[in-house]
C-alpha cells in the first residue's frame, strides 16, 4: 500500500513544518516605537525619533525574550523600512542592529538619508553608544 505510506509521509512533513504565525507592525507613536506582533503577542519593538520633514532616526531594537532566536529583529526591521518607504520617508541608522542589517543589503539604500545617514558600520555604532553611556 504505497499510497498509505505517501499519506503518512506527507502528514509527518506537515506536522514537522514550522507554522507561520501572522505578523503585523504597529506604529506606537505615543511610545516612539514600531512594534511587531506575532499573533497576539508583542514580539519586538524598534524605538525611533520622528524628525522633520519625514526622517526617522532608528535608535534601538529589542526582542522579547520569549521570541529571541526566531528572526524577529530582521523581520521587524524589514517591515519598518517598508513602512518608512510607504511614507516616502528616510532613515538615519543609529541602532547597531539596523546598521548591520542595512550593510548587508542594497534593497533599502534609497531610504538612508544622504545628509544624515547615521553610522556606516556596526562597530562604529556600538562604539558611539558605549561612549554615550560613559
N, C-alpha and C. Protein backbone atom coordinates (compact mmCIF):
# COMPACT_ATOMS: atom_id res chain seq x y z
N UNK A 1 0.81 -1.19 0.00
CA UNK A 1 0.00 0.00 0.00
C UNK A 1 0.86 1.26 0.00
N UNK A 2 1.50 1.54 -1.08
CA UNK A 2 2.35 2.72 -1.16
C UNK A 2 1.59 4.02 -0.96
N UNK A 3 0.33 4.06 -1.33
CA UNK A 3 -0.44 5.29 -1.20
C UNK A 3 -0.59 5.68 0.28
N UNK A 4 -0.84 4.69 1.15
CA UNK A 4 -0.95 4.98 2.58
C UNK A 4 0.36 5.50 3.14
N UNK A 5 1.48 4.92 2.69
CA UNK A 5 2.79 5.38 3.13
C UNK A 5 3.01 6.82 2.71
N UNK A 6 2.63 7.15 1.47
CA UNK A 6 2.78 8.52 0.99
C UNK A 6 1.98 9.49 1.84
N UNK A 7 0.77 9.10 2.20
CA UNK A 7 -0.07 9.96 3.04
C UNK A 7 0.56 10.15 4.41
N UNK A 8 1.09 9.08 4.99
CA UNK A 8 1.74 9.18 6.30
C UNK A 8 2.96 10.09 6.22
N UNK A 9 3.76 9.93 5.15
CA UNK A 9 4.94 10.78 4.98
C UNK A 9 4.55 12.25 4.85
N UNK A 10 3.51 12.50 4.07
CA UNK A 10 3.04 13.87 3.88
C UNK A 10 2.53 14.44 5.20
N UNK A 11 1.78 13.67 5.96
CA UNK A 11 1.26 14.12 7.25
C UNK A 11 2.41 14.40 8.21
N UNK A 12 3.45 13.56 8.20
CA UNK A 12 4.60 13.78 9.07
C UNK A 12 5.33 15.06 8.69
N UNK A 13 5.49 15.31 7.39
CA UNK A 13 6.14 16.53 6.93
C UNK A 13 5.35 17.77 7.34
N UNK A 14 4.03 17.70 7.18
CA UNK A 14 3.19 18.84 7.52
C UNK A 14 3.24 19.13 9.01
N UNK A 15 3.25 18.10 9.85
CA UNK A 15 3.27 18.34 11.29
C UNK A 15 4.64 18.81 11.75
N UNK A 16 5.71 18.44 11.03
CA UNK A 16 7.05 18.86 11.40
C UNK A 16 7.38 20.26 10.89
N UNK A 17 6.70 20.71 9.87
CA UNK A 17 6.97 22.03 9.29
C UNK A 17 6.55 23.12 10.27
N UNK A 18 7.40 24.15 10.44
CA UNK A 18 7.02 25.23 11.34
C UNK A 18 5.80 25.98 10.80
N UNK A 19 4.91 26.28 11.67
CA UNK A 19 3.71 27.01 11.26
C UNK A 19 4.01 28.50 11.25
N UNK A 20 3.59 29.16 10.21
CA UNK A 20 3.81 30.60 10.05
C UNK A 20 2.76 31.34 10.85
N UNK A 21 3.21 32.15 11.78
CA UNK A 21 2.30 32.95 12.60
C UNK A 21 2.13 34.31 11.94
N UNK A 22 0.91 34.79 11.93
CA UNK A 22 0.63 36.10 11.32
C UNK A 22 1.39 37.19 12.06
N UNK A 23 2.02 38.07 11.30
CA UNK A 23 2.76 39.20 11.88
C UNK A 23 2.09 40.49 11.45
N UNK A 24 2.14 41.48 12.33
CA UNK A 24 1.72 42.81 11.91
C UNK A 24 2.50 43.85 12.69
N UNK A 25 2.78 44.95 12.01
CA UNK A 25 3.56 46.05 12.56
C UNK A 25 2.62 47.17 12.99
N UNK A 26 2.88 47.72 14.16
CA UNK A 26 2.09 48.82 14.68
C UNK A 26 3.03 49.99 14.96
N UNK A 27 2.66 51.18 14.52
CA UNK A 27 3.41 52.39 14.86
C UNK A 27 2.82 52.95 16.14
N UNK A 28 3.48 52.71 17.25
CA UNK A 28 3.03 53.22 18.54
C UNK A 28 3.73 54.57 18.75
N UNK A 29 3.20 55.60 18.11
CA UNK A 29 3.81 56.92 18.14
C UNK A 29 3.89 57.48 19.56
N UNK A 30 2.93 57.12 20.38
CA UNK A 30 2.93 57.59 21.77
C UNK A 30 4.18 57.13 22.52
N UNK A 31 4.64 55.92 22.24
CA UNK A 31 5.85 55.39 22.88
C UNK A 31 7.09 55.61 22.01
N UNK A 32 6.91 56.13 20.80
CA UNK A 32 8.04 56.37 19.91
C UNK A 32 8.68 55.09 19.44
N UNK A 33 7.84 54.11 19.09
CA UNK A 33 8.40 52.84 18.63
C UNK A 33 7.45 52.12 17.68
N UNK A 34 8.06 51.36 16.79
CA UNK A 34 7.31 50.42 15.97
C UNK A 34 7.29 49.12 16.75
N UNK A 35 6.16 48.43 16.73
CA UNK A 35 6.02 47.17 17.46
C UNK A 35 5.63 46.07 16.49
N UNK A 36 6.32 44.94 16.60
CA UNK A 36 5.99 43.79 15.76
C UNK A 36 5.25 42.77 16.62
N UNK A 37 4.07 42.43 16.17
CA UNK A 37 3.26 41.41 16.85
C UNK A 37 3.30 40.15 16.03
N UNK A 38 3.48 39.03 16.70
CA UNK A 38 3.34 37.71 16.08
C UNK A 38 2.13 37.10 16.74
N UNK A 39 1.08 36.94 15.94
CA UNK A 39 -0.20 36.56 16.52
C UNK A 39 -0.65 37.72 17.40
N UNK A 40 -1.02 37.43 18.61
CA UNK A 40 -1.44 38.47 19.56
C UNK A 40 -0.31 38.92 20.47
N UNK A 41 0.85 38.33 20.30
CA UNK A 41 1.97 38.57 21.21
C UNK A 41 2.93 39.63 20.68
N UNK A 42 3.30 40.57 21.55
CA UNK A 42 4.30 41.58 21.20
C UNK A 42 5.66 40.89 21.19
N UNK A 43 6.25 40.78 20.00
CA UNK A 43 7.49 40.04 19.84
C UNK A 43 8.72 40.93 19.90
N UNK A 44 8.60 42.18 19.43
CA UNK A 44 9.75 43.07 19.41
C UNK A 44 9.32 44.49 19.12
N UNK A 45 10.27 45.42 19.33
CA UNK A 45 9.97 46.83 19.10
C UNK A 45 11.24 47.54 18.69
N UNK A 46 11.06 48.60 17.93
CA UNK A 46 12.18 49.40 17.46
C UNK A 46 11.87 50.86 17.77
N UNK A 47 12.66 51.42 18.70
CA UNK A 47 12.47 52.82 19.08
C UNK A 47 12.99 53.74 17.98
N UNK A 48 12.25 54.81 17.75
CA UNK A 48 12.64 55.78 16.74
C UNK A 48 12.34 57.19 17.24
N UNK A 49 12.96 58.14 16.57
CA UNK A 49 12.61 59.54 16.74
C UNK A 49 12.17 60.04 15.38
N UNK A 50 10.97 60.60 15.31
CA UNK A 50 10.45 61.12 14.04
C UNK A 50 10.94 62.54 13.90
N UNK A 51 11.76 62.76 12.90
CA UNK A 51 12.34 64.08 12.64
C UNK A 51 11.70 64.64 11.38
N UNK A 52 11.67 65.97 11.29
CA UNK A 52 11.03 66.55 10.13
C UNK A 52 12.02 66.65 8.97
N UNK A 53 11.55 66.65 7.75
CA UNK A 53 10.15 66.57 7.39
C UNK A 53 9.60 65.15 7.52
N UNK A 54 10.36 64.15 7.10
CA UNK A 54 9.86 62.78 7.22
C UNK A 54 11.03 61.82 7.37
N UNK A 55 11.88 62.13 8.34
CA UNK A 55 13.07 61.31 8.60
C UNK A 55 12.87 60.60 9.93
N UNK A 56 13.28 59.35 9.97
CA UNK A 56 13.16 58.54 11.18
C UNK A 56 14.56 58.13 11.63
N UNK A 57 14.94 58.52 12.83
CA UNK A 57 16.19 58.06 13.42
C UNK A 57 15.86 56.74 14.13
N UNK A 58 16.36 55.65 13.59
CA UNK A 58 16.09 54.32 14.15
C UNK A 58 17.13 54.06 15.23
N UNK A 59 16.68 54.13 16.50
CA UNK A 59 17.60 54.22 17.63
C UNK A 59 17.93 52.91 18.34
N UNK A 60 16.95 52.03 18.52
CA UNK A 60 17.22 50.86 19.35
C UNK A 60 16.20 49.75 19.06
N UNK A 61 16.70 48.54 18.86
CA UNK A 61 15.86 47.39 18.58
C UNK A 61 15.89 46.44 19.77
N UNK A 62 14.72 45.95 20.16
CA UNK A 62 14.63 44.96 21.24
C UNK A 62 13.69 43.84 20.81
N UNK A 63 13.99 42.64 21.28
CA UNK A 63 13.14 41.48 21.04
C UNK A 63 12.79 40.88 22.40
N UNK A 64 11.51 40.57 22.58
CA UNK A 64 11.07 39.94 23.81
C UNK A 64 11.80 38.61 23.97
N UNK A 65 12.18 38.31 25.22
CA UNK A 65 12.97 37.10 25.50
C UNK A 65 12.31 35.83 24.95
N UNK A 66 11.01 35.74 25.00
CA UNK A 66 10.30 34.55 24.53
C UNK A 66 10.37 34.39 23.02
N UNK A 67 10.77 35.43 22.29
CA UNK A 67 10.78 35.40 20.83
C UNK A 67 12.19 35.45 20.25
N UNK A 68 13.20 35.45 21.09
CA UNK A 68 14.58 35.54 20.58
C UNK A 68 14.97 34.29 19.81
N UNK A 69 15.82 34.49 18.82
CA UNK A 69 16.30 33.38 18.02
C UNK A 69 15.32 32.91 16.96
N UNK A 70 14.30 33.71 16.69
CA UNK A 70 13.27 33.31 15.73
C UNK A 70 13.14 34.29 14.56
N UNK A 71 14.15 35.12 14.37
CA UNK A 71 14.13 36.03 13.24
C UNK A 71 13.27 37.26 13.41
N UNK A 72 12.90 37.57 14.65
CA UNK A 72 12.01 38.71 14.90
C UNK A 72 12.67 40.03 14.52
N UNK A 73 13.91 40.23 14.94
CA UNK A 73 14.56 41.53 14.68
C UNK A 73 14.67 41.81 13.18
N UNK A 74 15.10 40.83 12.41
CA UNK A 74 15.22 41.02 10.97
C UNK A 74 13.87 41.27 10.31
N UNK A 75 12.86 40.50 10.72
CA UNK A 75 11.52 40.69 10.17
C UNK A 75 10.99 42.08 10.52
N UNK A 76 11.26 42.51 11.75
CA UNK A 76 10.76 43.81 12.20
C UNK A 76 11.45 44.94 11.43
N UNK A 77 12.76 44.87 11.30
CA UNK A 77 13.48 45.93 10.58
C UNK A 77 13.00 45.99 9.13
N UNK A 78 12.81 44.84 8.50
CA UNK A 78 12.30 44.82 7.13
C UNK A 78 10.95 45.52 7.05
N UNK A 79 10.05 45.20 7.98
CA UNK A 79 8.71 45.81 7.95
C UNK A 79 8.76 47.30 8.26
N UNK A 80 9.64 47.70 9.18
CA UNK A 80 9.79 49.13 9.49
C UNK A 80 10.29 49.87 8.26
N UNK A 81 11.29 49.34 7.59
CA UNK A 81 11.82 50.00 6.40
C UNK A 81 10.77 50.08 5.29
N UNK A 82 9.99 49.03 5.14
CA UNK A 82 8.91 49.07 4.14
C UNK A 82 7.87 50.13 4.53
N UNK A 83 7.59 50.26 5.81
CA UNK A 83 6.64 51.27 6.27
C UNK A 83 7.17 52.68 6.00
N UNK A 84 8.45 52.90 6.30
CA UNK A 84 9.07 54.20 6.04
C UNK A 84 9.02 54.49 4.54
N UNK A 85 9.29 53.49 3.73
CA UNK A 85 9.23 53.66 2.27
C UNK A 85 7.81 54.06 1.85
N UNK A 86 6.80 53.42 2.42
CA UNK A 86 5.42 53.74 2.05
C UNK A 86 5.03 55.16 2.43
N UNK A 87 5.75 55.72 3.39
CA UNK A 87 5.51 57.11 3.82
C UNK A 87 6.42 58.10 3.10
N UNK A 88 7.17 57.61 2.13
CA UNK A 88 8.14 58.43 1.39
C UNK A 88 9.13 59.08 2.34
N UNK A 89 9.56 58.32 3.34
CA UNK A 89 10.48 58.84 4.34
C UNK A 89 11.90 58.36 4.12
N UNK A 90 12.78 58.80 5.01
CA UNK A 90 14.18 58.37 5.01
C UNK A 90 14.53 57.95 6.44
N UNK A 91 15.67 57.27 6.57
CA UNK A 91 16.11 56.83 7.89
C UNK A 91 17.53 57.29 8.17
N UNK A 92 17.79 57.48 9.44
CA UNK A 92 19.12 57.68 9.97
C UNK A 92 19.35 56.48 10.88
N UNK A 93 20.34 55.67 10.55
CA UNK A 93 20.60 54.43 11.29
C UNK A 93 21.53 54.68 12.46
N UNK A 94 20.98 54.51 13.66
CA UNK A 94 21.75 54.66 14.89
C UNK A 94 21.90 53.32 15.60
N UNK A 95 20.85 52.52 15.59
CA UNK A 95 20.85 51.20 16.22
C UNK A 95 21.87 50.29 15.53
N UNK A 96 22.77 49.67 16.30
CA UNK A 96 23.76 48.77 15.68
C UNK A 96 23.14 47.64 14.86
N UNK A 97 22.01 47.11 15.29
CA UNK A 97 21.38 46.03 14.52
C UNK A 97 20.90 46.55 13.18
N UNK A 98 20.28 47.72 13.17
CA UNK A 98 19.79 48.32 11.92
C UNK A 98 20.96 48.63 11.00
N UNK A 99 22.04 49.18 11.57
CA UNK A 99 23.23 49.49 10.77
C UNK A 99 23.76 48.22 10.11
N UNK A 100 23.85 47.14 10.89
CA UNK A 100 24.34 45.86 10.37
C UNK A 100 23.40 45.33 9.29
N UNK A 101 22.11 45.41 9.54
CA UNK A 101 21.10 44.96 8.57
C UNK A 101 21.26 45.70 7.25
N UNK A 102 21.35 47.02 7.31
CA UNK A 102 21.48 47.83 6.10
C UNK A 102 22.79 47.57 5.36
N UNK A 103 23.84 47.22 6.09
CA UNK A 103 25.13 46.97 5.44
C UNK A 103 25.13 45.67 4.64
N UNK A 104 24.15 44.81 4.89
CA UNK A 104 24.11 43.51 4.22
C UNK A 104 23.16 43.45 3.03
N UNK A 105 22.52 44.56 2.71
CA UNK A 105 21.58 44.57 1.59
C UNK A 105 21.60 45.93 0.92
N UNK A 106 21.32 45.93 -0.36
CA UNK A 106 21.20 47.21 -1.08
C UNK A 106 19.73 47.56 -1.32
N UNK A 107 18.83 46.72 -0.82
CA UNK A 107 17.39 46.91 -1.07
C UNK A 107 16.83 48.19 -0.46
N UNK A 108 17.51 48.73 0.55
CA UNK A 108 16.98 49.90 1.24
C UNK A 108 17.93 51.10 1.19
N UNK A 109 18.90 51.05 0.30
CA UNK A 109 19.86 52.15 0.17
C UNK A 109 19.16 53.47 -0.09
N UNK A 110 18.08 53.45 -0.84
CA UNK A 110 17.34 54.67 -1.18
C UNK A 110 16.68 55.31 0.05
N UNK A 111 16.54 54.56 1.13
CA UNK A 111 15.89 55.10 2.33
C UNK A 111 16.85 55.81 3.28
N UNK A 112 18.15 55.56 3.12
CA UNK A 112 19.13 56.15 4.03
C UNK A 112 19.29 57.62 3.68
N UNK A 113 19.04 58.48 4.65
CA UNK A 113 19.12 59.93 4.43
C UNK A 113 20.54 60.30 4.02
N UNK A 114 20.73 60.90 2.85
CA UNK A 114 22.09 61.21 2.39
C UNK A 114 22.81 62.25 3.25
N UNK A 115 22.08 63.16 3.85
CA UNK A 115 22.71 64.20 4.69
C UNK A 115 22.96 63.73 6.11
N UNK A 116 22.14 62.78 6.58
CA UNK A 116 22.24 62.28 7.94
C UNK A 116 22.08 60.75 7.93
N UNK A 117 23.08 60.03 7.40
CA UNK A 117 22.92 58.59 7.24
C UNK A 117 23.00 57.79 8.54
N UNK A 118 23.63 58.37 9.55
CA UNK A 118 23.85 57.60 10.78
C UNK A 118 25.23 56.98 10.72
N UNK A 119 25.34 55.75 11.20
CA UNK A 119 26.64 55.09 11.26
C UNK A 119 26.84 54.19 10.05
N UNK A 120 28.10 54.07 9.64
CA UNK A 120 28.42 53.30 8.45
C UNK A 120 28.57 51.81 8.73
N UNK A 121 28.92 51.45 9.97
CA UNK A 121 29.09 50.04 10.29
C UNK A 121 28.74 49.80 11.75
N UNK A 122 28.51 48.54 12.07
CA UNK A 122 28.06 48.15 13.40
C UNK A 122 29.07 48.53 14.48
N UNK A 123 30.35 48.32 14.22
CA UNK A 123 31.38 48.62 15.23
C UNK A 123 31.36 50.11 15.60
N UNK A 124 31.23 50.97 14.62
CA UNK A 124 31.18 52.41 14.89
C UNK A 124 29.93 52.77 15.68
N UNK A 125 28.80 52.16 15.33
CA UNK A 125 27.55 52.42 16.05
C UNK A 125 27.65 51.95 17.50
N UNK A 126 28.22 50.77 17.72
CA UNK A 126 28.36 50.26 19.08
C UNK A 126 29.32 51.12 19.89
N UNK A 127 30.42 51.56 19.27
CA UNK A 127 31.39 52.42 19.97
C UNK A 127 30.74 53.74 20.36
N UNK A 128 29.93 54.31 19.49
CA UNK A 128 29.25 55.57 19.79
C UNK A 128 28.27 55.38 20.95
N UNK A 129 27.58 54.27 20.97
CA UNK A 129 26.63 54.01 22.07
C UNK A 129 27.37 53.82 23.39
N UNK A 130 28.49 53.12 23.36
CA UNK A 130 29.29 52.96 24.59
C UNK A 130 29.77 54.31 25.10
N UNK A 131 30.23 55.14 24.18
CA UNK A 131 30.73 56.48 24.54
C UNK A 131 29.61 57.32 25.14
N UNK A 132 28.42 57.22 24.57
CA UNK A 132 27.29 57.99 25.06
C UNK A 132 26.87 57.55 26.47
N UNK A 133 27.06 56.27 26.78
CA UNK A 133 26.71 55.75 28.10
C UNK A 133 27.70 56.16 29.18
N UNK A 134 28.97 56.36 28.78
CA UNK A 134 30.02 56.72 29.77
C UNK A 134 29.95 58.14 30.21
